[in-house]
Amino acid sequence: MTDKTPKTTKSTTASATTSPAASITAEPFALPEIEVPAAVREIAEKSVAQAKETYEKFKSAAEEATDVLEDTYETTRKGVVALNMKTLDTVKANSDATFEFARELVGVKSLSEAIELQTAFTRKAFEAFTVQAKEFQELAGKLATESAAPVKDALAKATRDFKAAA
């Protein structure tokens, strides 16, 4: 029996020179360190500072606008509630007067007494209407003035700030 596997006598020798890739010892995904000039760094720092300052101004302005809106809504809500209460009082007063008129009208004995009662009721109703209309006008004017006050104050402040900045 003879061995049929050929034997190789060829020896492998390592190359005396090494490849450039083998000599790099840096991390595979590391960025190279680059020296940033001082002027560029200064510009970048100023830009970041300006961006932060601008953000703070916008944030402050947004908070102030939100406060103004909240104040306006709350003032308007209170005014509308007062207006609604006045409306209910007016309706009650007018209803009471009408029911009183109807009660008195049932007890009349003649046509002339009914006409006299009707005339008196109409006069009182017109006088009440005049007073109620003035009260509603005053209340609505107060509501408009008070609701606009926070916006007016905010605009005045913005105008002062703008003039001071200019």
Protein backbone atom coordinates (compact mmCIF):
# COMPACT_ATOMS: atom_id res chain seq x y z
CA MET A 1 0.00 0.00 0.00
CA THR A 2 1.31 3.16 -1.07
CA ASP A 3 0.34 6.60 0.09
CA LYS A 4 -1.38 8.46 -2.69
CA THR A 5 -1.51 11.90 -1.15
CA PRO A 6 1.15 14.11 -2.56
CA LYS A 7 3.23 15.94 -0.10
CA THR A 8 4.02 19.54 -0.77
CA THR A 9 7.30 20.85 0.22
CA LYS A 10 6.50 24.39 -0.68
CA SER A 11 6.83 26.73 2.29
CA THR A 12 4.94 29.95 2.65
CA THR A 13 6.88 32.97 3.65
CA ALA A 14 5.42 36.11 5.19
CA SER A 15 5.83 39.27 3.29
CA ALA A 16 8.47 41.56 4.66
CA THR A 17 6.39 44.66 4.05
CA THR A 18 3.04 45.35 5.80
CA SER A 19 -0.02 46.90 4.11
CA PRO A 20 -1.13 50.50 4.92
CA ALA A 21 -4.50 49.31 6.23
CA ALA A 22 -2.81 47.18 8.83
CA SER A 23 -0.92 50.15 10.23
CA ILE A 24 -4.10 52.22 11.04
CA THR A 25 -5.10 51.66 14.64
CA ALA A 26 -8.07 54.10 14.78
CA GLU A 27 -11.62 53.05 15.53
CA PRO A 28 -13.48 52.03 12.37
CA PHE A 29 -16.21 54.76 12.61
CA ALA A 30 -14.33 57.50 14.45
CA LEU A 31 -14.25 60.93 12.88
CA PRO A 32 -10.88 62.46 12.38
CA GLU A 33 -9.99 65.24 14.75
CA ILE A 34 -9.90 68.53 12.91
CA GLU A 35 -8.65 71.71 14.45
CA VAL A 36 -11.39 74.37 14.10
CA PRO A 37 -10.02 77.88 13.70
CA ALA A 38 -10.77 80.22 16.60
CA ALA A 39 -12.68 82.66 14.36
CA VAL A 40 -15.04 79.93 13.14
CA ARG A 41 -15.54 78.67 16.68
CA GLU A 42 -16.31 82.20 17.86
CA ILE A 43 -18.87 82.72 15.09
CA ALA A 44 -20.53 79.40 15.93
CA GLU A 45 -20.70 80.27 19.63
CA LYS A 46 -22.22 83.68 18.82
CA SER A 47 -24.78 82.03 16.54
CA VAL A 48 -25.79 79.59 19.26
CA ALA A 49 -26.05 82.42 21.79
CA GLN A 50 -28.20 84.47 19.40
CA ALA A 51 -30.45 81.48 18.73
CA LYS A 52 -30.92 80.93 22.47
CA GLU A 53 -31.66 84.62 23.00
CA THR A 54 -34.17 84.68 20.13
CA TYR A 55 -35.85 81.53 21.47
CA GLU A 56 -36.18 83.09 24.92
CA LYS A 57 -37.72 86.24 23.41
CA PHE A 58 -40.23 84.22 21.39
CA LYS A 59 -41.02 82.06 24.40
CA SER A 60 -41.57 85.13 26.56
CA ALA A 61 -43.76 86.76 23.91
CA ALA A 62 -45.84 83.57 23.55
CA GLU A 63 -46.32 83.35 27.32
CA GLU A 64 -47.37 87.00 27.46
CA ALA A 65 -49.82 86.50 24.59
CA THR A 66 -51.28 83.47 26.34
CA ASP A 67 -51.69 85.47 29.55
CA VAL A 68 -53.42 88.27 27.64
CA LEU A 69 -55.82 85.81 26.03
CA GLU A 70 -56.58 84.16 29.36
CA ASP A 71 -57.25 87.56 30.97
CA THR A 72 -59.43 88.61 28.05
CA TYR A 73 -61.45 85.39 28.11
CA GLU A 74 -61.94 85.55 31.87
CA THR A 75 -63.02 89.19 31.77
CA THR A 76 -65.39 88.48 28.89
CA ARG A 77 -66.81 85.45 30.68
CA LYS A 78 -67.54 87.49 33.80
CA GLY A 79 -69.12 90.24 31.71
CA VAL A 80 -71.31 87.82 29.79
CA VAL A 81 -72.44 86.21 33.05
CA ALA A 82 -73.38 89.66 34.38
CA LEU A 83 -75.22 90.43 31.15
CA ASN A 84 -77.10 87.13 31.35
CA MET A 85 -78.06 87.77 34.97
CA LYS A 86 -79.33 91.22 34.00
CA THR A 87 -81.36 89.64 31.20
CA LEU A 88 -82.93 87.17 33.62
CA ASP A 89 -83.75 89.98 36.07
CA THR A 90 -85.33 91.99 33.26
CA VAL A 91 -87.39 89.05 32.03
CA LYS A 92 -88.59 88.36 35.57
CA ALA A 93 -89.52 92.01 36.18
CA ASN A 94 -91.37 92.23 32.84
CA SER A 95 -93.16 88.92 33.44
CA ASP A 96 -94.22 89.99 36.94
CA ALA A 97 -95.56 93.29 35.57
CA THR A 98 -97.47 91.49 32.82
CA PHE A 99 -99.02 88.98 35.22
CA GLU A 100 -99.97 91.80 37.59
CA PHE A 101 -101.61 93.63 34.68
CA ALA A 102 -103.51 90.47 33.68
CA ARG A 103 -104.69 89.97 37.29
CA GLU A 104 -105.91 93.58 37.49
CA LEU A 105 -107.52 93.34 34.04
CA VAL A 106 -109.65 90.41 35.15
CA GLY A 107 -111.13 92.55 37.94
CA VAL A 108 -112.24 95.53 35.78
CA LYS A 109 -115.96 96.40 35.71
CA SER A 110 -116.11 98.60 32.60
CA LEU A 111 -114.50 99.18 29.23
CA SER A 112 -113.23 102.62 30.23
CA GLU A 113 -111.54 101.16 33.30
CA ALA A 114 -109.88 98.49 31.08
CA ILE A 115 -108.63 101.16 28.65
CA GLU A 116 -107.31 103.23 31.55
CA LEU A 117 -105.58 100.18 33.01
CA GLN A 118 -104.13 99.30 29.58
CA THR A 119 -102.84 102.84 29.10
CA ALA A 120 -101.17 102.88 32.52
CA PHE A 121 -99.61 99.46 31.90
CA THR A 122 -98.26 100.53 28.50
CA ARG A 123 -96.76 103.73 29.96
CA LYS A 124 -95.07 101.80 32.81
CA ALA A 125 -93.82 99.15 30.38
CA PHE A 126 -92.30 101.80 28.10
CA GLU A 127 -90.63 103.55 31.07
CA ALA A 128 -89.27 100.20 32.29
CA PHE A 129 -88.05 99.40 28.78
CA THR A 130 -86.22 102.74 28.60
CA VAL A 131 -84.48 102.15 31.95
CA GLN A 132 -83.63 98.55 31.04
CA ALA A 133 -82.21 99.57 27.67
CA LYS A 134 -79.92 102.13 29.35
CA GLU A 135 -78.77 99.51 31.87
CA PHE A 136 -78.03 97.02 29.08
CA GLN A 137 -76.16 99.67 27.13
CA GLU A 138 -74.02 100.54 30.15
CA LEU A 139 -73.37 96.89 30.91
CA ALA A 140 -72.45 96.09 27.29
CA GLY A 141 -70.16 99.13 27.13
CA LYS A 142 -68.48 98.06 30.37
CA LEU A 143 -68.08 94.53 29.00
CA ALA A 144 -66.49 95.81 25.80
CA THR A 145 -64.16 98.17 27.65
CA GLU A 146 -63.07 95.60 30.22
CA SER A 147 -62.64 92.86 27.63
CA ALA A 148 -60.45 95.06 25.46
CA ALA A 149 -58.34 96.34 28.37
CA PRO A 150 -55.86 93.40 28.51
CA VAL A 151 -55.29 93.58 24.75
CA LYS A 152 -54.92 97.35 24.89
CA ASP A 153 -52.41 97.06 27.74
CA ALA A 154 -50.43 94.38 25.87
CA LEU A 155 -50.28 96.52 22.73
CA ALA A 156 -49.14 99.53 24.76
CA LYS A 157 -46.39 97.43 26.37
CA ALA A 158 -45.31 96.04 22.99
CA THR A 159 -45.16 99.57 21.58
CA ARG A 160 -43.04 100.75 24.54
CA ASP A 161 -40.72 97.77 24.20
CA PHE A 162 -40.38 98.33 20.44
CA LYS A 163 -39.55 102.02 20.94
CA ALA A 164 -37.02 101.13 23.66
CA ALA A 165 -35.36 98.56 21.38
CA ALA A 166 -35.16 100.97 18.47
